[in-house]
Every structure is written in structure tokens, then in C-alpha cells.
Amino acid sequence: MSTAKDIHLYTASTMNGWKPVIFLEEAGVEYDLTYIDFSKKEQKAPEYVKLNPNGRIPTIVDRSNDDFVVFESGAILWYLAEKYGKFLPEDANERSQTLQWLMFQMGGVGPMMGQAMYFQRIAAKQGEEHPFAIKRYVDESRRLMEVLNSRLQGRDYLVSDQYTIADMATYPWARAYYWANVSVDGLPHLQAWFDRIDGREATQRALEIPKPFWAFFGKGDVAAQERENAERFKSDVSKSK
């Protein structure tokens, strides 16, 4: 007889969608998972929007806390870190630094690289060519990678030389530089950070949940997965015309 877990996660295989999966796998927390299928617009279904009014992933429901709902990937990471007392430094200043780098990802790395990916991997594949926008987002993404590289000089991780939720939030986005066509050449500290996290078994396991999409990282049948990805968002592009 199965027993419902405390955490019920609603997610999909995207950079934001993997963030809570990484935490839960690294923390060894059991959870229930519902895969949200974008091709079926499940993120816009009324029952899901009741949980997440923005109609995006991921979302968690904490059954042990009166079915408390948390949406927005950064907020989910902070909630889980506080709930389980993991991957968040005890020192007040280091906690603040963790929050700062988490917000850096949420406000910079994610949006900029996300747009670089969208205009190249989705819009362009549907006949919408925007060279100015592509250059803008690729260039800004590269600048942000340089900021990360500088931060990581002499450090194993972004804060206090321990793996924190700031790393968990930033890694899937920065590591997908291939998908955004952003060069990381000449950024040795960033690349060493990639290597360290590439070696974390729990994090790598998380990238296969609910299913892998290795093309983001330049692996596997990239062309086929690019076509699949563009097709999922075909209606979104057509609405913008």
C-alpha cells in the first residue's frame, strides 16, 4: 500500500523544472511527482492554475503543512531549504549571499538565457527571425557567465564553498549554454564548477526526471529534440505574429 509523500511536485523537463528535483534528489527526500505536459497545455488547465495562478512550472504542495502551495522555482528552493535545513548556510551573511545569487539567477541568468534559447531554438524554427534580439540576449548571457566566472575564482561553489540552492538554481541554466549558443570559452572557473556539479550523482539523476532532454546540454540527438521542442511551442509563436 503506497503512502502519499509530504511533497507533491508538479514539474516538467526544463531548467526551472529541474531545480526542485535537484534539491529533493540531493536531500534524499521522497516525493510524489506529476509530470506537466506542455504539448497538452496542462500548465494552463483550471485545476493546475488553482495551484499556480501564473500557469507555469514548477509547483509544490506540502501535504505536511496543510497542503501549503509554493510556486516560482526560486521560492520553492528557499522553502525546501528552510523546511529540511539543507543546502542553506547557517551564517546570516552567507544566507544573504545565497539569496543574492539565487536572485541573480532568477532575475538575470534565467530570463536572458531563456530568451536567447527561445529566439534561436523556437521562434527561428517557426520562421520568426530576430537577429537583433538574438544578439542582445546572447551577448548579455555571455556577460552573466563572465560574472559567474569571476565569482567562482578561488571558490568551489557560489557561496561559502558549499553546494547550496544558489548552485542548484544556476547550474541547469548556465550548463545549458550550448542550447543558448553562448560561448563559455576563456571561463575556466565556470567550467571547473560545471565539472564539479557534473560529478554529483544526485544532481545528474535529477536531470533525467521526469524525463531527460539532453539536447539542452549538447548531448544525444540534438536535431530531433530541437524539432520536438519547437513543435511544443508552435502555437505560442503563431499567437505572437
C-alpha atoms as a PDB file:
ATOM      1  CA  MET A   1       0.000   0.000   0.000  1.00  0.00           C
ATOM      2  CA  SER A   2       1.526   3.290  -1.119  1.00  0.00           C
ATOM      3  CA  THR A   3       1.577   6.282   1.172  1.00  0.00           C
ATOM      4  CA  ALA A   4       1.413   9.852  -0.070  1.00  0.00           C
ATOM      5  CA  LYS A   5       4.660  11.728   0.425  1.00  0.00           C
ATOM      6  CA  ASP A   6       4.845  15.091   2.161  1.00  0.00           C
ATOM      7  CA  ILE A   7       5.906  16.886  -1.017  1.00  0.00           C
ATOM      8  CA  HIS A   8       3.908  16.669  -4.233  1.00  0.00           C
ATOM      9  CA  LEU A   9       5.877  18.183  -7.104  1.00  0.00           C
ATOM     10  CA  TYR A  10       4.374  19.311 -10.397  1.00  0.00           C
ATOM     11  CA  THR A  11       7.081  19.835 -12.991  1.00  0.00           C
ATOM     12  CA  ALA A  12       8.479  19.207 -16.459  1.00  0.00           C
ATOM     13  CA  SER A  13      11.888  18.759 -18.046  1.00  0.00           C
ATOM     14  CA  THR A  14      13.084  22.349 -18.221  1.00  0.00           C
ATOM     15  CA  MET A  15      15.806  24.303 -16.485  1.00  0.00           C
ATOM     16  CA  ASN A  16      13.328  25.752 -13.991  1.00  0.00           C
ATOM     17  CA  GLY A  17      11.511  22.464 -13.712  1.00  0.00           C
ATOM     18  CA  TRP A  18      14.639  20.611 -12.646  1.00  0.00           C
ATOM     19  CA  LYS A  19      15.530  22.952  -9.778  1.00  0.00           C
ATOM     20  CA  PRO A  20      13.291  21.384  -7.097  1.00  0.00           C
ATOM     21  CA  VAL A  21      14.058  17.909  -8.433  1.00  0.00           C
ATOM     22  CA  ILE A  22      17.752  18.577  -7.869  1.00  0.00           C
ATOM     23  CA  PHE A  23      17.085  19.641  -4.297  1.00  0.00           C
ATOM     24  CA  LEU A  24      14.860  16.688  -3.483  1.00  0.00           C
ATOM     25  CA  GLU A  25      17.251  14.167  -5.018  1.00  0.00           C
ATOM     26  CA  GLU A  26      20.285  15.706  -3.318  1.00  0.00           C
ATOM     27  CA  ALA A  27      18.477  15.898   0.031  1.00  0.00           C
ATOM     28  CA  GLY A  28      17.198  12.331  -0.214  1.00  0.00           C
ATOM     29  CA  VAL A  29      13.605  13.485   0.274  1.00  0.00           C
ATOM     30  CA  GLU A  30      10.896  11.207  -1.080  1.00  0.00           C
ATOM     31  CA  TYR A  31       8.229  12.980  -3.104  1.00  0.00           C
ATOM     32  CA  ASP A  32       5.301  12.410  -5.403  1.00  0.00           C
ATOM     33  CA  LEU A  33       5.625  13.767  -8.916  1.00  0.00           C
ATOM     34  CA  THR A  34       3.115  14.846 -11.524  1.00  0.00           C
ATOM     35  CA  TYR A  35       4.521  15.460 -14.989  1.00  0.00           C
ATOM     36  CA  ILE A  36       3.084  18.544 -16.670  1.00  0.00           C
ATOM     37  CA  ASP A  37       2.792  18.009 -20.429  1.00  0.00           C
ATOM     38  CA  PHE A  38       3.238  21.296 -22.280  1.00  0.00           C
ATOM     39  CA  SER A  39       2.054  19.785 -25.554  1.00  0.00           C
ATOM     40  CA  LYS A  40      -1.331  19.275 -23.890  1.00  0.00           C
ATOM     41  CA  LYS A  41      -1.230  22.713 -22.220  1.00  0.00           C
ATOM     42  CA  GLU A  42      -1.610  21.033 -18.838  1.00  0.00           C
ATOM     43  CA  GLN A  43       0.069  24.030 -17.201  1.00  0.00           C
ATOM     44  CA  LYS A  44      -2.978  26.063 -18.223  1.00  0.00           C
ATOM     45  CA  ALA A  45      -5.578  23.570 -17.013  1.00  0.00           C
ATOM     46  CA  PRO A  46      -8.010  25.092 -14.477  1.00  0.00           C
ATOM     47  CA  GLU A  47      -7.098  22.623 -11.742  1.00  0.00           C
ATOM     48  CA  TYR A  48      -3.412  23.470 -12.120  1.00  0.00           C
ATOM     49  CA  VAL A  49      -3.958  27.229 -12.304  1.00  0.00           C
ATOM     50  CA  LYS A  50      -5.717  26.956  -8.952  1.00  0.00           C
ATOM     51  CA  LEU A  51      -2.340  25.931  -7.572  1.00  0.00           C
ATOM     52  CA  ASN A  52      -0.174  28.205  -9.694  1.00  0.00           C
ATOM     53  CA  PRO A  53      -2.055  31.277 -10.936  1.00  0.00           C
ATOM     54  CA  ASN A  54       0.760  32.061 -13.377  1.00  0.00           C
ATOM     55  CA  GLY A  55       0.242  28.783 -15.221  1.00  0.00           C
ATOM     56  CA  ARG A  56       3.911  27.846 -15.182  1.00  0.00           C
ATOM     57  CA  ILE A  57       6.041  25.083 -13.674  1.00  0.00           C
ATOM     58  CA  PRO A  58       7.198  24.032 -11.164  1.00  0.00           C
ATOM     59  CA  THR A  59       4.808  23.989  -8.202  1.00  0.00           C
ATOM     60  CA  ILE A  60       4.884  22.036  -4.960  1.00  0.00           C
ATOM     61  CA  VAL A  61       2.193  21.146  -2.458  1.00  0.00           C
ATOM     62  CA  ASP A  62       3.402  20.421   1.074  1.00  0.00           C
ATOM     63  CA  ARG A  63       0.885  17.964   2.426  1.00  0.00           C
ATOM     64  CA  SER A  64       2.554  18.046   5.853  1.00  0.00           C
ATOM     65  CA  ASN A  65       1.832  21.782   6.066  1.00  0.00           C
ATOM     66  CA  ASP A  66      -1.921  21.789   5.458  1.00  0.00           C
ATOM     67  CA  ASP A  67      -1.412  21.424   1.684  1.00  0.00           C
ATOM     68  CA  PHE A  68       0.567  24.651   1.529  1.00  0.00           C
ATOM     69  CA  VAL A  69       1.327  25.584  -2.089  1.00  0.00           C
ATOM     70  CA  VAL A  70       4.558  27.158  -3.312  1.00  0.00           C
ATOM     71  CA  PHE A  71       5.153  28.269  -6.880  1.00  0.00           C
ATOM     72  CA  GLU A  72       8.120  30.012  -8.580  1.00  0.00           C
ATOM     73  CA  SER A  73      11.229  27.850  -8.697  1.00  0.00           C
ATOM     74  CA  GLY A  74      13.421  30.104  -6.549  1.00  0.00           C
ATOM     75  CA  ALA A  75      10.765  30.377  -3.871  1.00  0.00           C
ATOM     76  CA  ILE A  76      10.372  26.596  -3.912  1.00  0.00           C
ATOM     77  CA  LEU A  77      14.103  26.093  -3.371  1.00  0.00           C
ATOM     78  CA  TRP A  78      14.120  28.526  -0.442  1.00  0.00           C
ATOM     79  CA  TYR A  79      11.057  26.883   1.105  1.00  0.00           C
ATOM     80  CA  LEU A  80      12.533  23.395   0.812  1.00  0.00           C
ATOM     81  CA  ALA A  81      15.915  24.519   2.140  1.00  0.00           C
ATOM     82  CA  GLU A  82      14.311  26.020   5.228  1.00  0.00           C
ATOM     83  CA  LYS A  83      11.940  23.098   5.707  1.00  0.00           C
ATOM     84  CA  TYR A  84      14.651  20.445   5.599  1.00  0.00           C
ATOM     85  CA  GLY A  85      17.570  22.511   6.877  1.00  0.00           C
ATOM     86  CA  LYS A  86      19.736  21.625   3.901  1.00  0.00           C
ATOM     87  CA  PHE A  87      21.779  23.458   1.274  1.00  0.00           C
ATOM     88  CA  LEU A  88      21.375  26.813   3.029  1.00  0.00           C
ATOM     89  CA  PRO A  89      24.195  28.172   5.210  1.00  0.00           C
ATOM     90  CA  GLU A  90      23.538  28.817   8.893  1.00  0.00           C
ATOM     91  CA  ASP A  91      25.598  32.015   8.977  1.00  0.00           C
ATOM     92  CA  ALA A  92      23.330  35.034   8.424  1.00  0.00           C
ATOM     93  CA  ASN A  93      25.639  36.762   5.960  1.00  0.00           C
ATOM     94  CA  GLU A  94      26.145  33.599   3.955  1.00  0.00           C
ATOM     95  CA  ARG A  95      22.394  33.022   3.885  1.00  0.00           C
ATOM     96  CA  SER A  96      22.029  36.520   2.470  1.00  0.00           C
ATOM     97  CA  GLN A  97      24.699  35.791  -0.132  1.00  0.00           C
ATOM     98  CA  THR A  98      22.850  32.618  -1.088  1.00  0.00           C
ATOM     99  CA  LEU A  99      19.665  34.612  -1.575  1.00  0.00           C
ATOM    100  CA  GLN A 100      21.546  37.227  -3.590  1.00  0.00           C
ATOM    101  CA  TRP A 101      22.964  34.665  -6.012  1.00  0.00           C
ATOM    102  CA  LEU A 102      19.599  32.924  -6.189  1.00  0.00           C
ATOM    103  CA  MET A 103      18.041  36.247  -7.233  1.00  0.00           C
ATOM    104  CA  PHE A 104      20.900  36.778  -9.706  1.00  0.00           C
ATOM    105  CA  GLN A 105      19.837  33.586 -11.420  1.00  0.00           C
ATOM    106  CA  MET A 106      16.130  34.358 -11.238  1.00  0.00           C
ATOM    107  CA  GLY A 107      16.464  37.928 -12.464  1.00  0.00           C
ATOM    108  CA  GLY A 108      19.357  37.570 -14.884  1.00  0.00           C
ATOM    109  CA  VAL A 109      20.707  34.196 -15.950  1.00  0.00           C
ATOM    110  CA  GLY A 110      17.325  32.521 -16.424  1.00  0.00           C
ATOM    111  CA  PRO A 111      15.498  35.304 -18.279  1.00  0.00           C
ATOM    112  CA  MET A 112      18.411  36.250 -20.542  1.00  0.00           C
ATOM    113  CA  MET A 113      19.391  32.708 -21.484  1.00  0.00           C
ATOM    114  CA  GLY A 114      15.751  31.737 -21.764  1.00  0.00           C
ATOM    115  CA  GLN A 115      15.164  34.441 -24.355  1.00  0.00           C
ATOM    116  CA  ALA A 116      18.344  33.507 -26.215  1.00  0.00           C
ATOM    117  CA  MET A 117      17.047  29.958 -26.371  1.00  0.00           C
ATOM    118  CA  TYR A 118      13.541  30.972 -27.384  1.00  0.00           C
ATOM    119  CA  PHE A 119      14.511  33.202 -30.301  1.00  0.00           C
ATOM    120  CA  GLN A 120      17.035  30.702 -31.693  1.00  0.00           C
ATOM    121  CA  ARG A 121      15.550  27.301 -30.909  1.00  0.00           C
ATOM    122  CA  ILE A 122      11.826  28.013 -31.144  1.00  0.00           C
ATOM    123  CA  ALA A 123      10.943  31.269 -32.928  1.00  0.00           C
ATOM    124  CA  ALA A 124      13.593  30.899 -35.656  1.00  0.00           C
ATOM    125  CA  LYS A 125      12.472  27.318 -36.299  1.00  0.00           C
ATOM    126  CA  GLN A 126       8.961  28.647 -36.931  1.00  0.00           C
ATOM    127  CA  GLY A 127      10.134  31.270 -39.417  1.00  0.00           C
ATOM    128  CA  GLU A 128      10.394  34.159 -36.957  1.00  0.00           C
ATOM    129  CA  GLU A 129      13.908  35.581 -37.385  1.00  0.00           C
ATOM    130  CA  HIS A 130      15.029  38.303 -34.962  1.00  0.00           C
ATOM    131  CA  PRO A 131      18.815  38.826 -35.268  1.00  0.00           C
ATOM    132  CA  PHE A 132      18.872  41.939 -33.084  1.00  0.00           C
ATOM    133  CA  ALA A 133      17.052  40.187 -30.236  1.00  0.00           C
ATOM    134  CA  ILE A 134      19.277  37.115 -30.546  1.00  0.00           C
ATOM    135  CA  LYS A 135      22.460  39.190 -30.343  1.00  0.00           C
ATOM    136  CA  ARG A 136      21.093  41.155 -27.401  1.00  0.00           C
ATOM    137  CA  TYR A 137      20.269  38.070 -25.346  1.00  0.00           C
ATOM    138  CA  VAL A 138      23.328  36.047 -26.324  1.00  0.00           C
ATOM    139  CA  ASP A 139      25.665  38.924 -25.504  1.00  0.00           C
ATOM    140  CA  GLU A 140      24.016  39.575 -22.139  1.00  0.00           C
ATOM    141  CA  SER A 141      24.082  35.878 -21.311  1.00  0.00           C
ATOM    142  CA  ARG A 142      27.793  35.782 -22.030  1.00  0.00           C
ATOM    143  CA  ARG A 143      28.307  38.771 -19.725  1.00  0.00           C
ATOM    144  CA  LEU A 144      26.454  36.953 -16.951  1.00  0.00           C
ATOM    145  CA  MET A 145      28.619  33.870 -17.481  1.00  0.00           C
ATOM    146  CA  GLU A 146      31.631  36.131 -17.007  1.00  0.00           C
ATOM    147  CA  VAL A 147      30.163  37.399 -13.719  1.00  0.00           C
ATOM    148  CA  LEU A 148      29.777  33.806 -12.550  1.00  0.00           C
ATOM    149  CA  ASN A 149      33.313  33.004 -13.639  1.00  0.00           C
ATOM    150  CA  SER A 150      34.668  35.891 -11.573  1.00  0.00           C
ATOM    151  CA  ARG A 151      32.611  34.848  -8.547  1.00  0.00           C
ATOM    152  CA  LEU A 152      33.895  31.282  -8.779  1.00  0.00           C
ATOM    153  CA  GLN A 153      37.561  32.215  -8.844  1.00  0.00           C
ATOM    154  CA  GLY A 154      39.069  30.559  -5.785  1.00  0.00           C
ATOM    155  CA  ARG A 155      35.712  29.002  -4.823  1.00  0.00           C
ATOM    156  CA  ASP A 156      34.248  25.562  -5.362  1.00  0.00           C
ATOM    157  CA  TYR A 157      30.670  26.856  -5.253  1.00  0.00           C
ATOM    158  CA  LEU A 158      28.885  30.186  -5.359  1.00  0.00           C
ATOM    159  CA  VAL A 159      28.630  30.658  -1.587  1.00  0.00           C
ATOM    160  CA  SER A 160      30.851  29.528   1.251  1.00  0.00           C
ATOM    161  CA  ASP A 161      32.414  26.643  -0.666  1.00  0.00           C
ATOM    162  CA  GLN A 162      29.359  24.502  -0.065  1.00  0.00           C
ATOM    163  CA  TYR A 163      26.750  23.355  -2.552  1.00  0.00           C
ATOM    164  CA  THR A 164      23.669  25.492  -1.946  1.00  0.00           C
ATOM    165  CA  ILE A 165      20.347  26.263  -3.557  1.00  0.00           C
ATOM    166  CA  ALA A 166      22.113  29.088  -5.421  1.00  0.00           C
ATOM    167  CA  ASP A 167      24.157  26.482  -7.290  1.00  0.00           C
ATOM    168  CA  MET A 168      21.108  24.295  -7.815  1.00  0.00           C
ATOM    169  CA  ALA A 169      19.210  27.179  -9.391  1.00  0.00           C
ATOM    170  CA  THR A 170      22.049  28.394 -11.581  1.00  0.00           C
ATOM    171  CA  TYR A 171      23.572  25.136 -12.779  1.00  0.00           C
ATOM    172  CA  PRO A 172      20.843  23.856 -15.145  1.00  0.00           C
ATOM    173  CA  TRP A 173      20.624  27.253 -16.830  1.00  0.00           C
ATOM    174  CA  ALA A 174      24.341  28.000 -17.107  1.00  0.00           C
ATOM    175  CA  ARG A 175      25.136  24.407 -18.042  1.00  0.00           C
ATOM    176  CA  ALA A 176      22.728  24.755 -20.984  1.00  0.00           C
ATOM    177  CA  TYR A 177      24.988  27.348 -22.630  1.00  0.00           C
ATOM    178  CA  TYR A 178      25.047  25.097 -25.702  1.00  0.00           C
ATOM    179  CA  TRP A 179      21.289  25.440 -26.202  1.00  0.00           C
ATOM    180  CA  ALA A 180      21.550  29.232 -25.932  1.00  0.00           C
ATOM    181  CA  ASN A 181      24.584  29.341 -28.252  1.00  0.00           C
ATOM    182  CA  VAL A 182      26.536  31.198 -25.568  1.00  0.00           C
ATOM    183  CA  SER A 183      30.279  30.666 -25.515  1.00  0.00           C
ATOM    184  CA  VAL A 184      31.968  29.765 -22.250  1.00  0.00           C
ATOM    185  CA  ASP A 185      35.440  29.815 -23.790  1.00  0.00           C
ATOM    186  CA  GLY A 186      38.017  31.507 -21.604  1.00  0.00           C
ATOM    187  CA  LEU A 187      35.967  30.994 -18.425  1.00  0.00           C
ATOM    188  CA  PRO A 188      37.991  28.344 -16.551  1.00  0.00           C
ATOM    189  CA  HIS A 189      36.438  28.852 -13.117  1.00  0.00           C
ATOM    190  CA  LEU A 190      32.939  28.450 -14.522  1.00  0.00           C
ATOM    191  CA  GLN A 191      33.967  25.335 -16.428  1.00  0.00           C
ATOM    192  CA  ALA A 192      35.568  23.851 -13.313  1.00  0.00           C
ATOM    193  CA  TRP A 193      32.282  24.478 -11.474  1.00  0.00           C
ATOM    194  CA  PHE A 194      30.439  22.653 -14.254  1.00  0.00           C
ATOM    195  CA  ASP A 195      32.821  19.725 -13.828  1.00  0.00           C
ATOM    196  CA  ARG A 196      32.244  19.574 -10.070  1.00  0.00           C
ATOM    197  CA  ILE A 197      28.473  19.538 -10.425  1.00  0.00           C
ATOM    198  CA  ASP A 198      28.612  17.194 -13.417  1.00  0.00           C
ATOM    199  CA  GLY A 199      30.172  14.761 -10.943  1.00  0.00           C
ATOM    200  CA  ARG A 200      27.336  14.959  -8.416  1.00  0.00           C
ATOM    201  CA  GLU A 201      25.308  11.790  -8.929  1.00  0.00           C
ATOM    202  CA  ALA A 202      22.096  13.081  -7.348  1.00  0.00           C
ATOM    203  CA  THR A 203      22.082  16.230  -9.470  1.00  0.00           C
ATOM    204  CA  GLN A 204      22.722  14.274 -12.658  1.00  0.00           C
ATOM    205  CA  ARG A 205      19.992  11.808 -11.703  1.00  0.00           C
ATOM    206  CA  ALA A 206      17.588  14.736 -11.281  1.00  0.00           C
ATOM    207  CA  LEU A 207      18.187  15.812 -14.876  1.00  0.00           C
ATOM    208  CA  GLU A 208      16.524  12.601 -16.022  1.00  0.00           C
ATOM    209  CA  ILE A 209      13.343  13.295 -14.016  1.00  0.00           C
ATOM    210  CA  PRO A 210      10.596  13.344 -15.159  1.00  0.00           C
ATOM    211  CA  LYS A 211      12.440  12.586 -18.389  1.00  0.00           C
ATOM    212  CA  PRO A 212      15.797  13.628 -19.866  1.00  0.00           C
ATOM    213  CA  PHE A 213      16.224  16.290 -22.503  1.00  0.00           C
ATOM    214  CA  TRP A 214      19.955  16.042 -23.080  1.00  0.00           C
ATOM    215  CA  ALA A 215      19.901  18.302 -26.135  1.00  0.00           C
ATOM    216  CA  PHE A 216      19.860  21.265 -23.766  1.00  0.00           C
ATOM    217  CA  PHE A 217      23.406  20.246 -22.867  1.00  0.00           C
ATOM    218  CA  GLY A 218      24.523  19.365 -26.386  1.00  0.00           C
ATOM    219  CA  LYS A 219      24.108  15.625 -25.995  1.00  0.00           C
ATOM    220  CA  GLY A 220      22.103  12.980 -27.830  1.00  0.00           C
ATOM    221  CA  ASP A 221      20.042  13.584 -30.979  1.00  0.00           C
ATOM    222  CA  VAL A 222      20.035  17.368 -30.788  1.00  0.00           C
ATOM    223  CA  ALA A 223      18.290  17.945 -34.122  1.00  0.00           C
ATOM    224  CA  ALA A 224      15.369  15.668 -33.283  1.00  0.00           C
ATOM    225  CA  GLN A 225      14.910  17.134 -29.820  1.00  0.00           C
ATOM    226  CA  GLU A 226      15.146  20.651 -31.230  1.00  0.00           C
ATOM    227  CA  ARG A 227      12.283  19.859 -33.617  1.00  0.00           C
ATOM    228  CA  GLU A 228      10.297  18.344 -30.759  1.00  0.00           C
ATOM    229  CA  ASN A 229      10.904  21.363 -28.560  1.00  0.00           C
ATOM    230  CA  ALA A 230       9.934  23.861 -31.267  1.00  0.00           C
ATOM    231  CA  GLU A 231       6.751  21.921 -32.018  1.00  0.00           C
ATOM    232  CA  ARG A 232       5.660  22.063 -28.368  1.00  0.00           C
ATOM    233  CA  PHE A 233       5.614  25.852 -28.525  1.00  0.00           C
ATOM    234  CA  LYS A 234       4.348  26.261 -32.091  1.00  0.00           C
ATOM    235  CA  SER A 235       1.048  27.800 -31.036  1.00  0.00           C
ATOM    236  CA  ASP A 236       2.828  30.321 -28.801  1.00  0.00           C
ATOM    237  CA  VAL A 237       4.876  31.572 -31.752  1.00  0.00           C
ATOM    238  CA  SER A 238       1.866  31.806 -34.061  1.00  0.00           C
ATOM    239  CA  LYS A 239      -0.011  33.901 -31.497  1.00  0.00           C
ATOM    240  CA  SER A 240       2.843  36.424 -31.473  1.00  0.00           C
ATOM    241  CA  LYS A 241       2.607  37.064 -35.227  1.00  0.00           C
END
